[in-house]
mmCIF file of all heavy atoms, coordinates in Angstrom:
data_MODEL
# 
_entry.id   MODEL 
# 
loop_
_atom_site.group_PDB 
_atom_site.id 
_atom_site.type_symbol 
_atom_site.label_atom_id 
_atom_site.label_alt_id 
_atom_site.label_comp_id 
_atom_site.label_asym_id 
_atom_site.label_entity_id 
_atom_site.label_seq_id 
_atom_site.pdbx_PDB_ins_code 
_atom_site.Cartn_x 
_atom_site.Cartn_y 
_atom_site.Cartn_z 
_atom_site.occupancy 
_atom_site.B_iso_or_equiv 
_atom_site.pdbx_formal_charge 
_atom_site.auth_seq_id 
_atom_site.auth_comp_id 
_atom_site.auth_asym_id 
_atom_site.auth_atom_id 
_atom_site.pdbx_PDB_model_num 
ATOM 1   N N   . MET A 1 1  ? 12.079 -9.098  6.001   1.00 0.00 ? 1  MET A N   1 
ATOM 2   C CA  . MET A 1 1  ? 10.930 -8.337  5.506   1.00 0.00 ? 1  MET A CA  1 
ATOM 3   C C   . MET A 1 1  ? 11.228 -7.642  4.184   1.00 0.00 ? 1  MET A C   1 
ATOM 4   O O   . MET A 1 1  ? 10.383 -7.593  3.297   1.00 0.00 ? 1  MET A O   1 
ATOM 5   C CB  . MET A 1 1  ? 10.511 -7.292  6.553   1.00 0.00 ? 1  MET A CB  1 
ATOM 6   C CG  . MET A 1 1  ? 9.992  -7.885  7.845   1.00 0.00 ? 1  MET A CG  1 
ATOM 7   S SD  . MET A 1 1  ? 8.440  -8.769  7.647   1.00 0.00 ? 1  MET A SD  1 
ATOM 8   C CE  . MET A 1 1  ? 7.299  -7.397  7.574   1.00 0.00 ? 1  MET A CE  1 
ATOM 9   N N   . HIS A 1 2  ? 12.417 -7.078  4.053   1.00 0.00 ? 2  HIS A N   1 
ATOM 10  C CA  . HIS A 1 2  ? 12.757 -6.372  2.819   1.00 0.00 ? 2  HIS A CA  1 
ATOM 11  C C   . HIS A 1 2  ? 12.715 -7.321  1.625   1.00 0.00 ? 2  HIS A C   1 
ATOM 12  O O   . HIS A 1 2  ? 12.161 -6.988  0.577   1.00 0.00 ? 2  HIS A O   1 
ATOM 13  C CB  . HIS A 1 2  ? 14.131 -5.703  2.933   1.00 0.00 ? 2  HIS A CB  1 
ATOM 14  C CG  . HIS A 1 2  ? 14.501 -4.956  1.697   1.00 0.00 ? 2  HIS A CG  1 
ATOM 15  N ND1 . HIS A 1 2  ? 13.906 -3.764  1.351   1.00 0.00 ? 2  HIS A ND1 1 
ATOM 16  C CD2 . HIS A 1 2  ? 15.363 -5.248  0.695   1.00 0.00 ? 2  HIS A CD2 1 
ATOM 17  C CE1 . HIS A 1 2  ? 14.395 -3.351  0.200   1.00 0.00 ? 2  HIS A CE1 1 
ATOM 18  N NE2 . HIS A 1 2  ? 15.277 -4.236  -0.215  1.00 0.00 ? 2  HIS A NE2 1 
ATOM 19  N N   . GLU A 1 3  ? 13.275 -8.506  1.810   1.00 0.00 ? 3  GLU A N   1 
ATOM 20  C CA  . GLU A 1 3  ? 13.271 -9.489  0.731   1.00 0.00 ? 3  GLU A CA  1 
ATOM 21  C C   . GLU A 1 3  ? 11.837 -9.905  0.408   1.00 0.00 ? 3  GLU A C   1 
ATOM 22  O O   . GLU A 1 3  ? 11.483 -10.116 -0.756  1.00 0.00 ? 3  GLU A O   1 
ATOM 23  C CB  . GLU A 1 3  ? 14.116 -10.703 1.135   1.00 0.00 ? 3  GLU A CB  1 
ATOM 24  C CG  . GLU A 1 3  ? 14.338 -11.695 0.021   1.00 0.00 ? 3  GLU A CG  1 
ATOM 25  C CD  . GLU A 1 3  ? 15.200 -12.878 0.460   1.00 0.00 ? 3  GLU A CD  1 
ATOM 26  O OE1 . GLU A 1 3  ? 16.013 -12.739 1.397   1.00 0.00 ? 3  GLU A OE1 1 
ATOM 27  O OE2 . GLU A 1 3  ? 15.029 -13.957 -0.138  1.00 0.00 ? 3  GLU A OE2 1 
ATOM 28  N N   . ARG A 1 4  ? 11.004 -10.017 1.426   1.00 0.00 ? 4  ARG A N   1 
ATOM 29  C CA  . ARG A 1 4  ? 9.584  -10.366 1.222   1.00 0.00 ? 4  ARG A CA  1 
ATOM 30  C C   . ARG A 1 4  ? 8.924  -9.345  0.308   1.00 0.00 ? 4  ARG A C   1 
ATOM 31  O O   . ARG A 1 4  ? 8.262  -9.693  -0.671  1.00 0.00 ? 4  ARG A O   1 
ATOM 32  C CB  . ARG A 1 4  ? 8.867  -10.408 2.569   1.00 0.00 ? 4  ARG A CB  1 
ATOM 33  C CG  . ARG A 1 4  ? 7.379  -10.681 2.476   1.00 0.00 ? 4  ARG A CG  1 
ATOM 34  C CD  . ARG A 1 4  ? 6.668  -10.309 3.776   1.00 0.00 ? 4  ARG A CD  1 
ATOM 35  N NE  . ARG A 1 4  ? 5.611  -11.240 4.147   1.00 0.00 ? 4  ARG A NE  1 
ATOM 36  C CZ  . ARG A 1 4  ? 4.852  -11.103 5.204   1.00 0.00 ? 4  ARG A CZ  1 
ATOM 37  N NH1 . ARG A 1 4  ? 5.037  -10.086 6.035   1.00 0.00 ? 4  ARG A NH1 1 
ATOM 38  N NH2 . ARG A 1 4  ? 3.897  -11.967 5.468   1.00 0.00 ? 4  ARG A NH2 1 
ATOM 39  N N   . LYS A 1 5  ? 9.087  -8.067  0.623   1.00 0.00 ? 5  LYS A N   1 
ATOM 40  C CA  . LYS A 1 5  ? 8.476  -7.010  -0.184  1.00 0.00 ? 5  LYS A CA  1 
ATOM 41  C C   . LYS A 1 5  ? 8.986  -7.051  -1.620  1.00 0.00 ? 5  LYS A C   1 
ATOM 42  O O   . LYS A 1 5  ? 8.209  -6.904  -2.568  1.00 0.00 ? 5  LYS A O   1 
ATOM 43  C CB  . LYS A 1 5  ? 8.764  -5.630  0.418   1.00 0.00 ? 5  LYS A CB  1 
ATOM 44  C CG  . LYS A 1 5  ? 7.986  -5.335  1.666   1.00 0.00 ? 5  LYS A CG  1 
ATOM 45  C CD  . LYS A 1 5  ? 8.289  -3.945  2.184   1.00 0.00 ? 5  LYS A CD  1 
ATOM 46  C CE  . LYS A 1 5  ? 9.689  -3.875  2.762   1.00 0.00 ? 5  LYS A CE  1 
ATOM 47  N NZ  . LYS A 1 5  ? 9.982  -2.614  3.425   1.00 0.00 ? 5  LYS A NZ  1 
ATOM 48  N N   . LYS A 1 6  ? 10.294 -7.259  -1.763  1.00 0.00 ? 6  LYS A N   1 
ATOM 49  C CA  . LYS A 1 6  ? 10.889 -7.281  -3.098  1.00 0.00 ? 6  LYS A CA  1 
ATOM 50  C C   . LYS A 1 6  ? 10.336 -8.436  -3.935  1.00 0.00 ? 6  LYS A C   1 
ATOM 51  O O   . LYS A 1 6  ? 9.965  -8.249  -5.092  1.00 0.00 ? 6  LYS A O   1 
ATOM 52  C CB  . LYS A 1 6  ? 12.414 -7.395  -2.993  1.00 0.00 ? 6  LYS A CB  1 
ATOM 53  C CG  . LYS A 1 6  ? 13.112 -7.392  -4.335  1.00 0.00 ? 6  LYS A CG  1 
ATOM 54  C CD  . LYS A 1 6  ? 14.617 -7.503  -4.174  1.00 0.00 ? 6  LYS A CD  1 
ATOM 55  C CE  . LYS A 1 6  ? 15.281 -7.601  -5.542  1.00 0.00 ? 6  LYS A CE  1 
ATOM 56  N NZ  . LYS A 1 6  ? 16.724 -7.844  -5.431  1.00 0.00 ? 6  LYS A NZ  1 
ATOM 57  N N   . VAL A 1 7  ? 10.253 -9.616  -3.345  1.00 0.00 ? 7  VAL A N   1 
ATOM 58  C CA  . VAL A 1 7  ? 9.730  -10.783 -4.075  1.00 0.00 ? 7  VAL A CA  1 
ATOM 59  C C   . VAL A 1 7  ? 8.265  -10.562 -4.448  1.00 0.00 ? 7  VAL A C   1 
ATOM 60  O O   . VAL A 1 7  ? 7.849  -10.846 -5.573  1.00 0.00 ? 7  VAL A O   1 
ATOM 61  C CB  . VAL A 1 7  ? 9.913  -12.079 -3.248  1.00 0.00 ? 7  VAL A CB  1 
ATOM 62  C CG1 . VAL A 1 7  ? 9.173  -13.240 -3.893  1.00 0.00 ? 7  VAL A CG1 1 
ATOM 63  C CG2 . VAL A 1 7  ? 11.395 -12.411 -3.099  1.00 0.00 ? 7  VAL A CG2 1 
ATOM 64  N N   . MET A 1 8  ? 7.484  -10.032 -3.518  1.00 0.00 ? 8  MET A N   1 
ATOM 65  C CA  . MET A 1 8  ? 6.077  -9.760  -3.807  1.00 0.00 ? 8  MET A CA  1 
ATOM 66  C C   . MET A 1 8  ? 5.943  -8.755  -4.938  1.00 0.00 ? 8  MET A C   1 
ATOM 67  O O   . MET A 1 8  ? 5.181  -8.959  -5.890  1.00 0.00 ? 8  MET A O   1 
ATOM 68  C CB  . MET A 1 8  ? 5.365  -9.255  -2.545  1.00 0.00 ? 8  MET A CB  1 
ATOM 69  C CG  . MET A 1 8  ? 5.187  -10.304 -1.475  1.00 0.00 ? 8  MET A CG  1 
ATOM 70  S SD  . MET A 1 8  ? 4.568  -9.641  0.090   1.00 0.00 ? 8  MET A SD  1 
ATOM 71  C CE  . MET A 1 8  ? 2.892  -9.174  -0.352  1.00 0.00 ? 8  MET A CE  1 
ATOM 72  N N   . PHE A 1 9  ? 6.704  -7.681  -4.860  1.00 0.00 ? 9  PHE A N   1 
ATOM 73  C CA  . PHE A 1 9  ? 6.642  -6.631  -5.872  1.00 0.00 ? 9  PHE A CA  1 
ATOM 74  C C   . PHE A 1 9  ? 7.078  -7.150  -7.242  1.00 0.00 ? 9  PHE A C   1 
ATOM 75  O O   . PHE A 1 9  ? 6.414  -6.900  -8.245  1.00 0.00 ? 9  PHE A O   1 
ATOM 76  C CB  . PHE A 1 9  ? 7.517  -5.442  -5.455  1.00 0.00 ? 9  PHE A CB  1 
ATOM 77  C CG  . PHE A 1 9  ? 7.645  -4.414  -6.539  1.00 0.00 ? 9  PHE A CG  1 
ATOM 78  C CD1 . PHE A 1 9  ? 6.623  -3.509  -6.762  1.00 0.00 ? 9  PHE A CD1 1 
ATOM 79  C CD2 . PHE A 1 9  ? 8.761  -4.371  -7.352  1.00 0.00 ? 9  PHE A CD2 1 
ATOM 80  C CE1 . PHE A 1 9  ? 6.725  -2.570  -7.775  1.00 0.00 ? 9  PHE A CE1 1 
ATOM 81  C CE2 . PHE A 1 9  ? 8.869  -3.446  -8.363  1.00 0.00 ? 9  PHE A CE2 1 
ATOM 82  C CZ  . PHE A 1 9  ? 7.846  -2.536  -8.581  1.00 0.00 ? 9  PHE A CZ  1 
ATOM 83  N N   . MET A 1 10 ? 8.182  -7.884  -7.273  1.00 0.00 ? 10 MET A N   1 
ATOM 84  C CA  . MET A 1 10 ? 8.726  -8.364  -8.547  1.00 0.00 ? 10 MET A CA  1 
ATOM 85  C C   . MET A 1 10 ? 7.787  -9.355  -9.235  1.00 0.00 ? 10 MET A C   1 
ATOM 86  O O   . MET A 1 10 ? 7.864  -9.530  -10.447 1.00 0.00 ? 10 MET A O   1 
ATOM 87  C CB  . MET A 1 10 ? 10.099 -9.003  -8.343  1.00 0.00 ? 10 MET A CB  1 
ATOM 88  C CG  . MET A 1 10 ? 11.171 -8.050  -7.850  1.00 0.00 ? 10 MET A CG  1 
ATOM 89  S SD  . MET A 1 10 ? 11.503 -6.685  -8.974  1.00 0.00 ? 10 MET A SD  1 
ATOM 90  C CE  . MET A 1 10 ? 12.316 -7.551  -10.306 1.00 0.00 ? 10 MET A CE  1 
ATOM 91  N N   . ASN A 1 11 ? 6.915  -9.991  -8.491  1.00 0.00 ? 11 ASN A N   1 
ATOM 92  C CA  . ASN A 1 11 ? 6.012  -10.989 -9.046  1.00 0.00 ? 11 ASN A CA  1 
ATOM 93  C C   . ASN A 1 11 ? 4.588  -10.460 -9.250  1.00 0.00 ? 11 ASN A C   1 
ATOM 94  O O   . ASN A 1 11 ? 3.641  -11.231 -9.315  1.00 0.00 ? 11 ASN A O   1 
ATOM 95  C CB  . ASN A 1 11 ? 5.990  -12.232 -8.149  1.00 0.00 ? 11 ASN A CB  1 
ATOM 96  C CG  . ASN A 1 11 ? 7.231  -13.059 -8.328  1.00 0.00 ? 11 ASN A CG  1 
ATOM 97  O OD1 . ASN A 1 11 ? 7.342  -13.812 -9.293  1.00 0.00 ? 11 ASN A OD1 1 
ATOM 98  N ND2 . ASN A 1 11 ? 8.192  -12.901 -7.429  1.00 0.00 ? 11 ASN A ND2 1 
ATOM 99  N N   . SER A 1 12 ? 4.456  -9.139  -9.349  1.00 0.00 ? 12 SER A N   1 
ATOM 100 C CA  . SER A 1 12 ? 3.123  -8.558  -9.495  1.00 0.00 ? 12 SER A CA  1 
ATOM 101 C C   . SER A 1 12 ? 3.070  -7.541  -10.628 1.00 0.00 ? 12 SER A C   1 
ATOM 102 O O   . SER A 1 12 ? 4.086  -6.961  -11.013 1.00 0.00 ? 12 SER A O   1 
ATOM 103 C CB  . SER A 1 12 ? 2.691  -7.901  -8.184  1.00 0.00 ? 12 SER A CB  1 
ATOM 104 O OG  . SER A 1 12 ? 3.541  -6.819  -7.881  1.00 0.00 ? 12 SER A OG  1 
ATOM 105 N N   . ASP A 1 13 ? 1.849  -7.355  -11.117 1.00 0.00 ? 13 ASP A N   1 
ATOM 106 C CA  . ASP A 1 13 ? 1.585  -6.356  -12.158 1.00 0.00 ? 13 ASP A CA  1 
ATOM 107 C C   . ASP A 1 13 ? 0.943  -5.102  -11.581 1.00 0.00 ? 13 ASP A C   1 
ATOM 108 O O   . ASP A 1 13 ? 0.979  -4.042  -12.195 1.00 0.00 ? 13 ASP A O   1 
ATOM 109 C CB  . ASP A 1 13 ? 0.626  -6.939  -13.211 1.00 0.00 ? 13 ASP A CB  1 
ATOM 110 C CG  . ASP A 1 13 ? 1.172  -8.181  -13.873 1.00 0.00 ? 13 ASP A CG  1 
ATOM 111 O OD1 . ASP A 1 13 ? 2.294  -8.129  -14.400 1.00 0.00 ? 13 ASP A OD1 1 
ATOM 112 O OD2 . ASP A 1 13 ? 0.480  -9.219  -13.855 1.00 0.00 ? 13 ASP A OD2 1 
ATOM 113 N N   . ALA A 1 14 ? 0.314  -5.242  -10.439 1.00 0.00 ? 14 ALA A N   1 
ATOM 114 C CA  . ALA A 1 14 ? -0.384 -4.138  -9.786  1.00 0.00 ? 14 ALA A CA  1 
ATOM 115 C C   . ALA A 1 14 ? -0.316 -4.359  -8.283  1.00 0.00 ? 14 ALA A C   1 
ATOM 116 O O   . ALA A 1 14 ? -0.162 -5.492  -7.824  1.00 0.00 ? 14 ALA A O   1 
ATOM 117 C CB  . ALA A 1 14 ? -1.836 -4.068  -10.244 1.00 0.00 ? 14 ALA A CB  1 
ATOM 118 N N   . ILE A 1 15 ? -0.429 -3.271  -7.534  1.00 0.00 ? 15 ILE A N   1 
ATOM 119 C CA  . ILE A 1 15 ? -0.369 -3.332  -6.079  1.00 0.00 ? 15 ILE A CA  1 
ATOM 120 C C   . ILE A 1 15 ? -1.679 -2.797  -5.509  1.00 0.00 ? 15 ILE A C   1 
ATOM 121 O O   . ILE A 1 15 ? -2.167 -1.741  -5.933  1.00 0.00 ? 15 ILE A O   1 
ATOM 122 C CB  . ILE A 1 15 ? 0.820  -2.511  -5.519  1.00 0.00 ? 15 ILE A CB  1 
ATOM 123 C CG1 . ILE A 1 15 ? 2.151  -3.108  -5.964  1.00 0.00 ? 15 ILE A CG1 1 
ATOM 124 C CG2 . ILE A 1 15 ? 0.773  -2.452  -4.004  1.00 0.00 ? 15 ILE A CG2 1 
ATOM 125 C CD1 . ILE A 1 15 ? 2.742  -2.462  -7.154  1.00 0.00 ? 15 ILE A CD1 1 
ATOM 126 N N   . VAL A 1 16 ? -2.232 -3.514  -4.543  1.00 0.00 ? 16 VAL A N   1 
ATOM 127 C CA  . VAL A 1 16 ? -3.443 -3.084  -3.843  1.00 0.00 ? 16 VAL A CA  1 
ATOM 128 C C   . VAL A 1 16 ? -3.134 -3.061  -2.357  1.00 0.00 ? 16 VAL A C   1 
ATOM 129 O O   . VAL A 1 16 ? -2.588 -4.029  -1.808  1.00 0.00 ? 16 VAL A O   1 
ATOM 130 C CB  . VAL A 1 16 ? -4.629 -4.035  -4.129  1.00 0.00 ? 16 VAL A CB  1 
ATOM 131 C CG1 . VAL A 1 16 ? -5.816 -3.712  -3.232  1.00 0.00 ? 16 VAL A CG1 1 
ATOM 132 C CG2 . VAL A 1 16 ? -5.027 -3.964  -5.595  1.00 0.00 ? 16 VAL A CG2 1 
ATOM 133 N N   . VAL A 1 17 ? -3.474 -1.959  -1.702  1.00 0.00 ? 17 VAL A N   1 
ATOM 134 C CA  . VAL A 1 17 ? -3.269 -1.821  -0.267  1.00 0.00 ? 17 VAL A CA  1 
ATOM 135 C C   . VAL A 1 17 ? -4.641 -1.780  0.403   1.00 0.00 ? 17 VAL A C   1 
ATOM 136 O O   . VAL A 1 17 ? -5.430 -0.865  0.160   1.00 0.00 ? 17 VAL A O   1 
ATOM 137 C CB  . VAL A 1 17 ? -2.464 -0.543  0.077   1.00 0.00 ? 17 VAL A CB  1 
ATOM 138 C CG1 . VAL A 1 17 ? -2.206 -0.458  1.574   1.00 0.00 ? 17 VAL A CG1 1 
ATOM 139 C CG2 . VAL A 1 17 ? -1.159 -0.486  -0.710  1.00 0.00 ? 17 VAL A CG2 1 
ATOM 140 N N   . LEU A 1 18 ? -4.911 -2.788  1.220   1.00 0.00 ? 18 LEU A N   1 
ATOM 141 C CA  . LEU A 1 18 ? -6.132 -2.830  2.015   1.00 0.00 ? 18 LEU A CA  1 
ATOM 142 C C   . LEU A 1 18 ? -5.812 -2.229  3.390   1.00 0.00 ? 18 LEU A C   1 
ATOM 143 O O   . LEU A 1 18 ? -4.646 -1.959  3.693   1.00 0.00 ? 18 LEU A O   1 
ATOM 144 C CB  . LEU A 1 18 ? -6.606 -4.276  2.173   1.00 0.00 ? 18 LEU A CB  1 
ATOM 145 C CG  . LEU A 1 18 ? -6.838 -5.096  0.909   1.00 0.00 ? 18 LEU A CG  1 
ATOM 146 C CD1 . LEU A 1 18 ? -7.343 -6.498  1.269   1.00 0.00 ? 18 LEU A CD1 1 
ATOM 147 C CD2 . LEU A 1 18 ? -7.790 -4.415  -0.037  1.00 0.00 ? 18 LEU A CD2 1 
ATOM 148 N N   . PRO A 1 19 ? -6.789 -2.039  4.259   1.00 0.00 ? 19 PRO A N   1 
ATOM 149 C CA  . PRO A 1 19 ? -6.479 -1.553  5.597   1.00 0.00 ? 19 PRO A CA  1 
ATOM 150 C C   . PRO A 1 19 ? -5.425 -2.423  6.285   1.00 0.00 ? 19 PRO A C   1 
ATOM 151 O O   . PRO A 1 19 ? -5.364 -3.639  6.071   1.00 0.00 ? 19 PRO A O   1 
ATOM 152 C CB  . PRO A 1 19 ? -7.831 -1.624  6.318   1.00 0.00 ? 19 PRO A CB  1 
ATOM 153 C CG  . PRO A 1 19 ? -8.819 -1.375  5.222   1.00 0.00 ? 19 PRO A CG  1 
ATOM 154 C CD  . PRO A 1 19 ? -8.247 -2.124  4.038   1.00 0.00 ? 19 PRO A CD  1 
ATOM 155 N N   . GLY A 1 20 ? -4.611 -1.795  7.090   1.00 0.00 ? 20 GLY A N   1 
ATOM 156 C CA  . GLY A 1 20 ? -3.553 -2.500  7.801   1.00 0.00 ? 20 GLY A CA  1 
ATOM 157 C C   . GLY A 1 20 ? -2.814 -1.558  8.723   1.00 0.00 ? 20 GLY A C   1 
ATOM 158 O O   . GLY A 1 20 ? -3.190 -0.388  8.887   1.00 0.00 ? 20 GLY A O   1 
ATOM 159 N N   . GLY A 1 21 ? -1.749 -2.071  9.308   1.00 0.00 ? 21 GLY A N   1 
ATOM 160 C CA  . GLY A 1 21 ? -0.985 -1.311  10.288  1.00 0.00 ? 21 GLY A CA  1 
ATOM 161 C C   . GLY A 1 21 ? 0.348  -0.826  9.768   1.00 0.00 ? 21 GLY A C   1 
ATOM 162 O O   . GLY A 1 21 ? 0.506  -0.516  8.581   1.00 0.00 ? 21 GLY A O   1 
ATOM 163 N N   . ALA A 1 22 ? 1.338  -0.802  10.660  1.00 0.00 ? 22 ALA A N   1 
ATOM 164 C CA  . ALA A 1 22 ? 2.651  -0.267  10.321  1.00 0.00 ? 22 ALA A CA  1 
ATOM 165 C C   . ALA A 1 22 ? 3.289  -1.032  9.169   1.00 0.00 ? 22 ALA A C   1 
ATOM 166 O O   . ALA A 1 22 ? 3.935  -0.437  8.288   1.00 0.00 ? 22 ALA A O   1 
ATOM 167 C CB  . ALA A 1 22 ? 3.563  -0.303  11.549  1.00 0.00 ? 22 ALA A CB  1 
ATOM 168 N N   . GLY A 1 23 ? 3.116  -2.352  9.136   1.00 0.00 ? 23 GLY A N   1 
ATOM 169 C CA  . GLY A 1 23 ? 3.684  -3.145  8.048   1.00 0.00 ? 23 GLY A CA  1 
ATOM 170 C C   . GLY A 1 23 ? 3.089  -2.772  6.702   1.00 0.00 ? 23 GLY A C   1 
ATOM 171 O O   . GLY A 1 23 ? 3.807  -2.653  5.704   1.00 0.00 ? 23 GLY A O   1 
ATOM 172 N N   . SER A 1 24 ? 1.783  -2.563  6.666   1.00 0.00 ? 24 SER A N   1 
ATOM 173 C CA  . SER A 1 24 ? 1.122  -2.171  5.421   1.00 0.00 ? 24 SER A CA  1 
ATOM 174 C C   . SER A 1 24 ? 1.571  -0.785  4.979   1.00 0.00 ? 24 SER A C   1 
ATOM 175 O O   . SER A 1 24 ? 1.751  -0.529  3.783   1.00 0.00 ? 24 SER A O   1 
ATOM 176 C CB  . SER A 1 24 ? -0.398 -2.200  5.583   1.00 0.00 ? 24 SER A CB  1 
ATOM 177 O OG  . SER A 1 24 ? -0.829 -3.497  5.946   1.00 0.00 ? 24 SER A OG  1 
ATOM 178 N N   . LEU A 1 25 ? 1.746  0.117   5.944   1.00 0.00 ? 25 LEU A N   1 
ATOM 179 C CA  . LEU A 1 25 ? 2.265  1.450   5.616   1.00 0.00 ? 25 LEU A CA  1 
ATOM 180 C C   . LEU A 1 25 ? 3.685  1.358   5.065   1.00 0.00 ? 25 LEU A C   1 
ATOM 181 O O   . LEU A 1 25 ? 4.022  2.034   4.079   1.00 0.00 ? 25 LEU A O   1 
ATOM 182 C CB  . LEU A 1 25 ? 2.245  2.353   6.851   1.00 0.00 ? 25 LEU A CB  1 
ATOM 183 C CG  . LEU A 1 25 ? 0.886  2.908   7.239   1.00 0.00 ? 25 LEU A CG  1 
ATOM 184 C CD1 . LEU A 1 25 ? 0.952  3.529   8.632   1.00 0.00 ? 25 LEU A CD1 1 
ATOM 185 C CD2 . LEU A 1 25 ? 0.421  3.933   6.209   1.00 0.00 ? 25 LEU A CD2 1 
ATOM 186 N N   . ASP A 1 26 ? 4.516  0.535   5.684   1.00 0.00 ? 26 ASP A N   1 
ATOM 187 C CA  . ASP A 1 26 ? 5.887  0.328   5.208   1.00 0.00 ? 26 ASP A CA  1 
ATOM 188 C C   . ASP A 1 26 ? 5.871  -0.162  3.762   1.00 0.00 ? 26 ASP A C   1 
ATOM 189 O O   . ASP A 1 26 ? 6.596  0.352   2.913   1.00 0.00 ? 26 ASP A O   1 
ATOM 190 C CB  . ASP A 1 26 ? 6.593  -0.682  6.118   1.00 0.00 ? 26 ASP A CB  1 
ATOM 191 C CG  . ASP A 1 26 ? 7.940  -1.113  5.579   1.00 0.00 ? 26 ASP A CG  1 
ATOM 192 O OD1 . ASP A 1 26 ? 8.815  -0.251  5.374   1.00 0.00 ? 26 ASP A OD1 1 
ATOM 193 O OD2 . ASP A 1 26 ? 8.107  -2.327  5.339   1.00 0.00 ? 26 ASP A OD2 1 
# 
């Protein structure tokens, strides 16, 4: 999961958080 977040973050210019659960909060 940590690597997933890092890859997603590194490949983005902006972050959007839609409704979600514990994973989205993390």
